[in-house]
N, C-alpha and C. Protein backbone atom coordinates (compact mmCIF):
# COMPACT_ATOMS: atom_id res chain seq x y z
N MET A 1 8.63 4.73 19.13
CA MET A 1 8.27 3.58 18.34
C MET A 1 9.49 2.70 18.11
N LYS A 2 9.27 1.40 17.99
CA LYS A 2 10.35 0.49 17.68
C LYS A 2 10.83 0.73 16.25
N ALA A 3 12.08 0.38 16.00
CA ALA A 3 12.65 0.54 14.66
C ALA A 3 11.87 -0.27 13.64
N SER A 4 11.44 -1.49 14.01
CA SER A 4 10.70 -2.34 13.07
C SER A 4 9.34 -1.72 12.73
N THR A 5 8.70 -1.08 13.70
CA THR A 5 7.42 -0.42 13.46
C THR A 5 7.63 0.79 12.55
N ASP A 6 8.70 1.52 12.78
CA ASP A 6 9.04 2.66 11.92
C ASP A 6 9.23 2.22 10.48
N ARG A 7 9.97 1.12 10.28
CA ARG A 7 10.21 0.60 8.93
C ARG A 7 8.89 0.19 8.27
N MET A 8 8.03 -0.48 9.03
CA MET A 8 6.75 -0.92 8.49
C MET A 8 5.90 0.29 8.08
N MET A 9 5.82 1.29 8.93
CA MET A 9 5.02 2.46 8.62
C MET A 9 5.57 3.22 7.41
N THR A 10 6.88 3.30 7.31
CA THR A 10 7.52 3.95 6.17
C THR A 10 7.20 3.17 4.89
N ARG A 11 7.25 1.85 4.96
CA ARG A 11 6.96 0.99 3.80
C ARG A 11 5.51 1.15 3.37
N ILE A 12 4.59 1.14 4.33
CA ILE A 12 3.16 1.27 4.01
C ILE A 12 2.89 2.64 3.38
N LYS A 13 3.50 3.66 3.92
CA LYS A 13 3.35 5.01 3.35
C LYS A 13 3.89 5.05 1.92
N SER A 14 5.04 4.42 1.69
CA SER A 14 5.62 4.37 0.35
C SER A 14 4.71 3.63 -0.62
N ILE A 15 4.11 2.54 -0.16
CA ILE A 15 3.20 1.77 -1.00
C ILE A 15 1.98 2.64 -1.36
N TYR A 16 1.42 3.32 -0.37
CA TYR A 16 0.27 4.18 -0.63
C TYR A 16 0.62 5.26 -1.65
N LEU A 17 1.74 5.93 -1.45
CA LEU A 17 2.15 7.00 -2.37
C LEU A 17 2.42 6.47 -3.77
N TYR A 18 2.97 5.28 -3.86
CA TYR A 18 3.22 4.66 -5.16
C TYR A 18 1.90 4.39 -5.89
N ILE A 19 0.93 3.83 -5.18
CA ILE A 19 -0.37 3.55 -5.79
C ILE A 19 -1.03 4.86 -6.22
N ARG A 20 -0.97 5.86 -5.37
CA ARG A 20 -1.57 7.17 -5.69
C ARG A 20 -0.94 7.77 -6.93
N LYS A 21 0.38 7.65 -7.05
CA LYS A 21 1.09 8.21 -8.20
C LYS A 21 0.74 7.47 -9.49
N LYS A 22 0.70 6.12 -9.42
CA LYS A 22 0.45 5.31 -10.61
C LYS A 22 -1.03 5.25 -10.99
N GLY A 23 -1.91 5.46 -10.02
CA GLY A 23 -3.35 5.40 -10.29
C GLY A 23 -3.94 4.03 -10.04
N SER A 24 -3.33 3.02 -10.61
CA SER A 24 -3.79 1.64 -10.44
C SER A 24 -2.58 0.72 -10.57
N VAL A 25 -2.46 -0.22 -9.66
CA VAL A 25 -1.34 -1.16 -9.69
C VAL A 25 -1.83 -2.55 -9.32
N THR A 26 -1.04 -3.55 -9.69
CA THR A 26 -1.34 -4.92 -9.30
C THR A 26 -0.48 -5.30 -8.10
N THR A 27 -0.92 -6.32 -7.40
CA THR A 27 -0.14 -6.83 -6.27
C THR A 27 1.23 -7.27 -6.76
N LYS A 28 1.28 -7.92 -7.90
CA LYS A 28 2.55 -8.39 -8.47
C LYS A 28 3.50 -7.22 -8.74
N GLU A 29 2.95 -6.13 -9.26
CA GLU A 29 3.77 -4.95 -9.53
C GLU A 29 4.37 -4.39 -8.24
N LEU A 30 3.58 -4.40 -7.16
CA LEU A 30 4.08 -3.92 -5.87
C LEU A 30 5.18 -4.82 -5.34
N VAL A 31 5.01 -6.13 -5.48
CA VAL A 31 6.04 -7.09 -5.05
C VAL A 31 7.36 -6.79 -5.77
N GLU A 32 7.27 -6.59 -7.07
CA GLU A 32 8.48 -6.32 -7.87
C GLU A 32 9.09 -4.97 -7.53
N GLU A 33 8.25 -3.96 -7.36
CA GLU A 33 8.74 -2.61 -7.09
C GLU A 33 9.42 -2.50 -5.73
N PHE A 34 8.84 -3.14 -4.71
CA PHE A 34 9.35 -2.98 -3.35
C PHE A 34 10.27 -4.12 -2.91
N GLY A 35 10.35 -5.18 -3.71
CA GLY A 35 11.27 -6.27 -3.40
C GLY A 35 10.97 -7.00 -2.11
N ILE A 36 9.70 -7.12 -1.79
CA ILE A 36 9.29 -7.86 -0.59
C ILE A 36 8.30 -8.94 -1.00
N THR A 37 8.00 -9.84 -0.09
CA THR A 37 7.16 -10.97 -0.43
C THR A 37 5.71 -10.55 -0.70
N GLN A 38 5.01 -11.40 -1.43
CA GLN A 38 3.61 -11.14 -1.73
C GLN A 38 2.80 -11.09 -0.43
N ARG A 39 3.13 -11.94 0.52
CA ARG A 39 2.40 -11.96 1.80
C ARG A 39 2.57 -10.64 2.56
N THR A 40 3.77 -10.07 2.53
CA THR A 40 4.01 -8.79 3.20
C THR A 40 3.22 -7.68 2.52
N ILE A 41 3.22 -7.68 1.19
CA ILE A 41 2.44 -6.69 0.44
C ILE A 41 0.96 -6.83 0.79
N GLN A 42 0.47 -8.06 0.86
CA GLN A 42 -0.94 -8.28 1.18
C GLN A 42 -1.29 -7.76 2.58
N ARG A 43 -0.40 -7.98 3.53
CA ARG A 43 -0.62 -7.45 4.89
C ARG A 43 -0.67 -5.93 4.88
N ASP A 44 0.26 -5.32 4.16
CA ASP A 44 0.31 -3.86 4.09
C ASP A 44 -0.94 -3.31 3.39
N LEU A 45 -1.37 -3.95 2.31
CA LEU A 45 -2.57 -3.53 1.61
C LEU A 45 -3.81 -3.68 2.49
N HIS A 46 -3.82 -4.73 3.30
CA HIS A 46 -4.93 -4.93 4.21
C HIS A 46 -5.03 -3.77 5.21
N ILE A 47 -3.90 -3.32 5.70
CA ILE A 47 -3.87 -2.18 6.62
C ILE A 47 -4.39 -0.93 5.92
N LEU A 48 -3.95 -0.71 4.69
CA LEU A 48 -4.40 0.45 3.93
C LEU A 48 -5.89 0.35 3.61
N GLN A 49 -6.35 -0.84 3.29
CA GLN A 49 -7.76 -1.06 2.98
C GLN A 49 -8.62 -0.87 4.24
N TYR A 50 -8.16 -1.39 5.34
CA TYR A 50 -8.89 -1.25 6.61
C TYR A 50 -9.09 0.23 6.96
N ASN A 51 -8.09 1.05 6.64
CA ASN A 51 -8.16 2.48 6.91
C ASN A 51 -8.80 3.27 5.76
N LYS A 52 -9.38 2.53 4.82
CA LYS A 52 -10.11 3.11 3.68
C LYS A 52 -9.25 4.04 2.82
N LEU A 53 -7.98 3.64 2.64
CA LEU A 53 -7.07 4.42 1.82
C LEU A 53 -6.89 3.82 0.43
N VAL A 54 -7.07 2.51 0.31
CA VAL A 54 -7.00 1.83 -0.99
C VAL A 54 -8.19 0.90 -1.10
N GLU A 55 -8.47 0.54 -2.37
CA GLU A 55 -9.55 -0.42 -2.61
C GLU A 55 -9.20 -1.26 -3.83
N SER A 56 -9.83 -2.41 -3.89
CA SER A 56 -9.63 -3.32 -5.01
C SER A 56 -10.98 -3.72 -5.55
N HIS A 57 -11.29 -3.22 -6.76
CA HIS A 57 -12.56 -3.57 -7.39
C HIS A 57 -12.43 -4.85 -8.20
N GLN A 58 -11.20 -5.19 -8.53
CA GLN A 58 -10.91 -6.42 -9.26
C GLN A 58 -9.75 -7.08 -8.54
N ARG A 59 -9.87 -8.35 -8.29
CA ARG A 59 -8.87 -9.06 -7.49
C ARG A 59 -7.44 -8.78 -7.96
N GLY A 60 -6.63 -8.29 -7.03
CA GLY A 60 -5.21 -8.04 -7.33
C GLY A 60 -4.90 -6.70 -7.94
N ASN A 61 -5.92 -5.89 -8.24
CA ASN A 61 -5.72 -4.54 -8.78
C ASN A 61 -6.13 -3.52 -7.73
N TRP A 62 -5.24 -2.58 -7.46
CA TRP A 62 -5.45 -1.63 -6.36
C TRP A 62 -5.44 -0.20 -6.84
N THR A 63 -6.32 0.61 -6.24
CA THR A 63 -6.36 2.05 -6.48
C THR A 63 -6.54 2.74 -5.13
N THR A 64 -6.25 4.03 -5.09
CA THR A 64 -6.48 4.77 -3.86
C THR A 64 -7.94 5.22 -3.83
N THR A 65 -8.43 5.50 -2.65
CA THR A 65 -9.79 6.01 -2.49
C THR A 65 -9.76 7.53 -2.54
N ASN A 66 -10.91 8.13 -2.42
CA ASN A 66 -10.99 9.60 -2.42
C ASN A 66 -10.83 10.17 -1.02
N ARG A 67 -10.52 9.33 -0.06
CA ARG A 67 -10.36 9.80 1.31
C ARG A 67 -9.22 10.80 1.40
N LYS A 68 -9.46 11.91 2.06
CA LYS A 68 -8.43 12.94 2.22
C LYS A 68 -7.37 12.45 3.20
N VAL A 69 -6.11 12.63 2.81
CA VAL A 69 -4.99 12.17 3.61
C VAL A 69 -3.95 13.27 3.70
N LYS A 70 -3.46 13.49 4.89
CA LYS A 70 -2.35 14.43 5.09
C LYS A 70 -1.08 13.60 5.18
N VAL A 71 -0.23 13.75 4.18
CA VAL A 71 1.02 12.98 4.13
C VAL A 71 2.15 13.87 4.60
N SER A 72 2.85 13.38 5.62
CA SER A 72 3.98 14.19 6.12
C SER A 72 5.27 13.43 6.00
């Protein structure tokens, strides 16, 4: 894998684990925590949502789903 792809996957994994640990977070909180742009966070959340790992029942608030995940 390319280094940039590795960084992206590591970041997305970190975002998922952060949401799982906190229970519920806002997009703004993720921007502040990870120090990246809102657009980048939105792209990463879209990937997680597409894979049914996170969901947003209220705009801008994110939680993890009950989908079983093996984190390595």
